[in-house]
Amino acid sequence: MPQLNPSPWFTYLLFSWVAFSLIVVPKVLTHTFPESLAPQAKQKSKTEFWNWPWS
């Protein structure tokens, strides 16, 4: 049974995972968080209540 011989396909599997881990993953991670998260200003937002005409 040739399916049990790991020689032909194991090399392709290993090479594809190495290429995925070394090339694709860092490129995707740079686009996930393009800039560092800076803390927002500590201003308290002014909330205004709406005057609903039916209440």
PDB file of N, CA and C in Angstrom:
ATOM      1  N   MET A   1       0.848  -1.189   0.000  1.00  0.00           N
ATOM      2  CA  MET A   1       0.000   0.000   0.000  1.00  0.00           C
ATOM      3  C   MET A   1       0.893   1.252   0.000  1.00  0.00           C
ATOM      4  N   PRO A   2       0.890   2.027  -1.025  1.00  0.00           N
ATOM      5  CA  PRO A   2       1.784   3.184  -1.089  1.00  0.00           C
ATOM      6  C   PRO A   2       1.369   4.320  -0.148  1.00  0.00           C
ATOM      7  N   GLN A   3       0.140   4.318   0.350  1.00  0.00           N
ATOM      8  CA  GLN A   3      -0.290   5.391   1.236  1.00  0.00           C
ATOM      9  C   GLN A   3       0.446   5.348   2.576  1.00  0.00           C
ATOM     10  N   LEU A   4       0.926   4.163   2.963  1.00  0.00           N
ATOM     11  CA  LEU A   4       1.597   4.036   4.244  1.00  0.00           C
ATOM     12  C   LEU A   4       3.062   4.434   4.173  1.00  0.00           C
ATOM     13  N   ASN A   5       3.588   4.654   3.000  1.00  0.00           N
ATOM     14  CA  ASN A   5       4.970   5.079   2.850  1.00  0.00           C
ATOM     15  C   ASN A   5       5.019   6.602   3.044  1.00  0.00           C
ATOM     16  N   PRO A   6       5.581   7.108   4.143  1.00  0.00           N
ATOM     17  CA  PRO A   6       5.554   8.553   4.410  1.00  0.00           C
ATOM     18  C   PRO A   6       6.575   9.348   3.615  1.00  0.00           C
ATOM     19  N   SER A   7       7.425   8.681   2.873  1.00  0.00           N
ATOM     20  CA  SER A   7       8.493   9.384   2.169  1.00  0.00           C
ATOM     21  C   SER A   7       7.986  10.417   1.161  1.00  0.00           C
ATOM     22  N   PRO A   8       7.022  10.127   0.295  1.00  0.00           N
ATOM     23  CA  PRO A   8       6.657  11.142  -0.713  1.00  0.00           C
ATOM     24  C   PRO A   8       5.892  12.325  -0.142  1.00  0.00           C
ATOM     25  N   TRP A   9       4.965  12.119   0.767  1.00  0.00           N
ATOM     26  CA  TRP A   9       4.102  13.214   1.180  1.00  0.00           C
ATOM     27  C   TRP A   9       4.532  13.876   2.465  1.00  0.00           C
ATOM     28  N   PHE A  10       5.321  13.207   3.286  1.00  0.00           N
ATOM     29  CA  PHE A  10       5.727  13.805   4.555  1.00  0.00           C
ATOM     30  C   PHE A  10       6.655  14.994   4.333  1.00  0.00           C
ATOM     31  N   THR A  11       7.490  14.926   3.328  1.00  0.00           N
ATOM     32  CA  THR A  11       8.383  16.041   3.014  1.00  0.00           C
ATOM     33  C   THR A  11       7.582  17.269   2.583  1.00  0.00           C
ATOM     34  N   TYR A  12       6.572  17.074   1.758  1.00  0.00           N
ATOM     35  CA  TYR A  12       5.729  18.205   1.331  1.00  0.00           C
ATOM     36  C   TYR A  12       4.938  18.772   2.502  1.00  0.00           C
ATOM     37  N   LEU A  13       4.458  17.919   3.354  1.00  0.00           N
ATOM     38  CA  LEU A  13       3.717  18.382   4.525  1.00  0.00           C
ATOM     39  C   LEU A  13       4.617  19.178   5.456  1.00  0.00           C
ATOM     40  N   LEU A  14       5.786  18.668   5.711  1.00  0.00           N
ATOM     41  CA  LEU A  14       6.712  19.356   6.592  1.00  0.00           C
ATOM     42  C   LEU A  14       7.154  20.696   5.999  1.00  0.00           C
ATOM     43  N   PHE A  15       7.471  20.718   4.717  1.00  0.00           N
ATOM     44  CA  PHE A  15       7.888  21.962   4.074  1.00  0.00           C
ATOM     45  C   PHE A  15       6.764  22.997   4.046  1.00  0.00           C
ATOM     46  N   SER A  16       5.548  22.558   3.819  1.00  0.00           N
ATOM     47  CA  SER A  16       4.441  23.513   3.777  1.00  0.00           C
ATOM     48  C   SER A  16       4.177  24.102   5.158  1.00  0.00           C
ATOM     49  N   TRP A  17       4.306  23.313   6.207  1.00  0.00           N
ATOM     50  CA  TRP A  17       4.109  23.854   7.558  1.00  0.00           C
ATOM     51  C   TRP A  17       5.242  24.791   7.956  1.00  0.00           C
ATOM     52  N   VAL A  18       6.441  24.487   7.546  1.00  0.00           N
ATOM     53  CA  VAL A  18       7.557  25.395   7.837  1.00  0.00           C
ATOM     54  C   VAL A  18       7.362  26.712   7.096  1.00  0.00           C
ATOM     55  N   ALA A  19       6.973  26.635   5.843  1.00  0.00           N
ATOM     56  CA  ALA A  19       6.730  27.859   5.071  1.00  0.00           C
ATOM     57  C   ALA A  19       5.563  28.647   5.661  1.00  0.00           C
ATOM     58  N   PHE A  20       4.532  27.953   6.070  1.00  0.00           N
ATOM     59  CA  PHE A  20       3.383  28.634   6.680  1.00  0.00           C
ATOM     60  C   PHE A  20       3.790  29.306   7.984  1.00  0.00           C
ATOM     61  N   SER A  21       4.573  28.610   8.793  1.00  0.00           N
ATOM     62  CA  SER A  21       4.953  29.149  10.103  1.00  0.00           C
ATOM     63  C   SER A  21       5.938  30.307   9.992  1.00  0.00           C
ATOM     64  N   LEU A  22       6.840  30.259   9.027  1.00  0.00           N
ATOM     65  CA  LEU A  22       7.872  31.283   8.941  1.00  0.00           C
ATOM     66  C   LEU A  22       7.509  32.457   8.048  1.00  0.00           C
ATOM     67  N   ILE A  23       6.608  32.275   7.112  1.00  0.00           N
ATOM     68  CA  ILE A  23       6.313  33.345   6.165  1.00  0.00           C
ATOM     69  C   ILE A  23       4.919  33.926   6.382  1.00  0.00           C
ATOM     70  N   VAL A  24       3.932  33.084   6.408  1.00  0.00           N
ATOM     71  CA  VAL A  24       2.549  33.567   6.416  1.00  0.00           C
ATOM     72  C   VAL A  24       2.140  34.101   7.789  1.00  0.00           C
ATOM     73  N   VAL A  25       2.470  33.399   8.852  1.00  0.00           N
ATOM     74  CA  VAL A  25       2.013  33.807  10.190  1.00  0.00           C
ATOM     75  C   VAL A  25       2.545  35.182  10.587  1.00  0.00           C
ATOM     76  N   PRO A  26       3.832  35.493  10.438  1.00  0.00           N
ATOM     77  CA  PRO A  26       4.274  36.855  10.788  1.00  0.00           C
ATOM     78  C   PRO A  26       3.619  37.942   9.938  1.00  0.00           C
ATOM     79  N   LYS A  27       3.361  37.662   8.658  1.00  0.00           N
ATOM     80  CA  LYS A  27       2.700  38.669   7.822  1.00  0.00           C
ATOM     81  C   LYS A  27       1.275  38.925   8.285  1.00  0.00           C
ATOM     82  N   VAL A  28       0.581  37.888   8.688  1.00  0.00           N
ATOM     83  CA  VAL A  28      -0.789  38.056   9.161  1.00  0.00           C
ATOM     84  C   VAL A  28      -0.801  38.780  10.503  1.00  0.00           C
ATOM     85  N   LEU A  29       0.130  38.467  11.377  1.00  0.00           N
ATOM     86  CA  LEU A  29       0.153  39.104  12.685  1.00  0.00           C
ATOM     87  C   LEU A  29       0.515  40.579  12.615  1.00  0.00           C
ATOM     88  N   THR A  30       1.271  40.989  11.611  1.00  0.00           N
ATOM     89  CA  THR A  30       1.564  42.414  11.490  1.00  0.00           C
ATOM     90  C   THR A  30       0.331  43.199  11.054  1.00  0.00           C
ATOM     91  N   HIS A  31      -0.586  42.553  10.360  1.00  0.00           N
ATOM     92  CA  HIS A  31      -1.802  43.251   9.937  1.00  0.00           C
ATOM     93  C   HIS A  31      -2.901  43.172  10.971  1.00  0.00           C
ATOM     94  N   THR A  32      -2.776  42.293  11.947  1.00  0.00           N
ATOM     95  CA  THR A  32      -3.815  42.184  12.962  1.00  0.00           C
ATOM     96  C   THR A  32      -3.800  43.399  13.878  1.00  0.00           C
ATOM     97  N   PHE A  33      -2.631  43.752  14.404  1.00  0.00           N
ATOM     98  CA  PHE A  33      -2.492  44.911  15.273  1.00  0.00           C
ATOM     99  C   PHE A  33      -1.427  45.828  14.676  1.00  0.00           C
ATOM    100  N   PRO A  34      -1.813  46.707  13.739  1.00  0.00           N
ATOM    101  CA  PRO A  34      -0.806  47.500  13.037  1.00  0.00           C
ATOM    102  C   PRO A  34      -0.114  48.533  13.915  1.00  0.00           C
ATOM    103  N   GLU A  35      -0.741  48.983  14.972  1.00  0.00           N
ATOM    104  CA  GLU A  35      -0.104  49.963  15.844  1.00  0.00           C
ATOM    105  C   GLU A  35      -0.388  49.594  17.287  1.00  0.00           C
ATOM    106  N   SER A  36       0.464  50.038  18.159  1.00  0.00           N
ATOM    107  CA  SER A  36       0.276  49.703  19.566  1.00  0.00           C
ATOM    108  C   SER A  36      -0.919  50.471  20.122  1.00  0.00           C
ATOM    109  N   LEU A  37      -1.552  49.877  21.077  1.00  0.00           N
ATOM    110  CA  LEU A  37      -2.730  50.491  21.671  1.00  0.00           C
ATOM    111  C   LEU A  37      -2.300  51.558  22.671  1.00  0.00           C
ATOM    112  N   ALA A  38      -2.681  52.775  22.413  1.00  0.00           N
ATOM    113  CA  ALA A  38      -2.374  53.873  23.314  1.00  0.00           C
ATOM    114  C   ALA A  38      -3.585  54.121  24.206  1.00  0.00           C
ATOM    115  N   PRO A  39      -3.360  54.451  25.453  1.00  0.00           N
ATOM    116  CA  PRO A  39      -4.512  54.726  26.325  1.00  0.00           C
ATOM    117  C   PRO A  39      -5.257  55.968  25.851  1.00  0.00           C
ATOM    118  N   GLN A  40      -6.558  55.890  25.937  1.00  0.00           N
ATOM    119  CA  GLN A  40      -7.382  57.009  25.514  1.00  0.00           C
ATOM    120  C   GLN A  40      -7.304  58.133  26.555  1.00  0.00           C
ATOM    121  N   ALA A  41      -7.709  59.320  26.144  1.00  0.00           N
ATOM    122  CA  ALA A  41      -7.725  60.455  27.061  1.00  0.00           C
ATOM    123  C   ALA A  41      -8.718  60.170  28.183  1.00  0.00           C
ATOM    124  N   LYS A  42      -8.390  60.666  29.350  1.00  0.00           N
ATOM    125  CA  LYS A  42      -9.207  60.387  30.534  1.00  0.00           C
ATOM    126  C   LYS A  42     -10.355  61.383  30.679  1.00  0.00           C
ATOM    127  N   GLN A  43     -10.904  61.825  29.550  1.00  0.00           N
ATOM    128  CA  GLN A  43     -12.043  62.733  29.625  1.00  0.00           C
ATOM    129  C   GLN A  43     -13.315  61.937  29.831  1.00  0.00           C
ATOM    130  N   LYS A  44     -14.150  62.451  30.705  1.00  0.00           N
ATOM    131  CA  LYS A  44     -15.427  61.809  30.915  1.00  0.00           C
ATOM    132  C   LYS A  44     -16.407  62.364  29.891  1.00  0.00           C
ATOM    133  N   SER A  45     -17.050  61.473  29.170  1.00  0.00           N
ATOM    134  CA  SER A  45     -17.968  61.946  28.143  1.00  0.00           C
ATOM    135  C   SER A  45     -19.212  62.550  28.788  1.00  0.00           C
ATOM    136  N   LYS A  46     -19.700  63.596  28.174  1.00  0.00           N
ATOM    137  CA  LYS A  46     -20.868  64.287  28.699  1.00  0.00           C
ATOM    138  C   LYS A  46     -22.112  63.614  28.137  1.00  0.00           C
ATOM    139  N   THR A  47     -22.911  63.062  28.997  1.00  0.00           N
ATOM    140  CA  THR A  47     -24.132  62.401  28.554  1.00  0.00           C
ATOM    141  C   THR A  47     -25.300  63.363  28.676  1.00  0.00           C
ATOM    142  N   GLU A  48     -26.064  63.406  27.644  1.00  0.00           N
ATOM    143  CA  GLU A  48     -27.258  64.241  27.647  1.00  0.00           C
ATOM    144  C   GLU A  48     -28.467  63.332  27.499  1.00  0.00           C
ATOM    145  N   PHE A  49     -29.438  63.562  28.317  1.00  0.00           N
ATOM    146  CA  PHE A  49     -30.650  62.750  28.264  1.00  0.00           C
ATOM    147  C   PHE A  49     -31.568  63.277  27.169  1.00  0.00           C
ATOM    148  N   TRP A  50     -32.184  62.353  26.477  1.00  0.00           N
ATOM    149  CA  TRP A  50     -33.110  62.736  25.430  1.00  0.00           C
ATOM    150  C   TRP A  50     -34.484  62.976  26.031  1.00  0.00           C
ATOM    151  N   ASN A  51     -35.141  63.984  25.516  1.00  0.00           N
ATOM    152  CA  ASN A  51     -36.502  64.265  25.959  1.00  0.00           C
ATOM    153  C   ASN A  51     -37.436  63.627  24.938  1.00  0.00           C
ATOM    154  N   TRP A  52     -37.943  62.462  25.247  1.00  0.00           N
ATOM    155  CA  TRP A  52     -38.838  61.759  24.338  1.00  0.00           C
ATOM    156  C   TRP A  52     -40.220  62.386  24.404  1.00  0.00           C
ATOM    157  N   PRO A  53     -40.807  62.717  23.269  1.00  0.00           N
ATOM    158  CA  PRO A  53     -42.099  63.397  23.310  1.00  0.00           C
ATOM    159  C   PRO A  53     -43.231  62.493  23.777  1.00  0.00           C
ATOM    160  N   TRP A  54     -43.090  61.193  23.730  1.00  0.00           N
ATOM    161  CA  TRP A  54     -44.195  60.312  24.110  1.00  0.00           C
ATOM    162  C   TRP A  54     -44.099  59.845  25.556  1.00  0.00           C
ATOM    163  N   SER A  55     -43.080  60.296  26.292  1.00  0.00           N
ATOM    164  CA  SER A  55     -42.993  59.842  27.687  1.00  0.00           C
ATOM    165  C   SER A  55     -43.427  60.920  28.643  1.00  0.00           C
TER     166      SER A  55
END
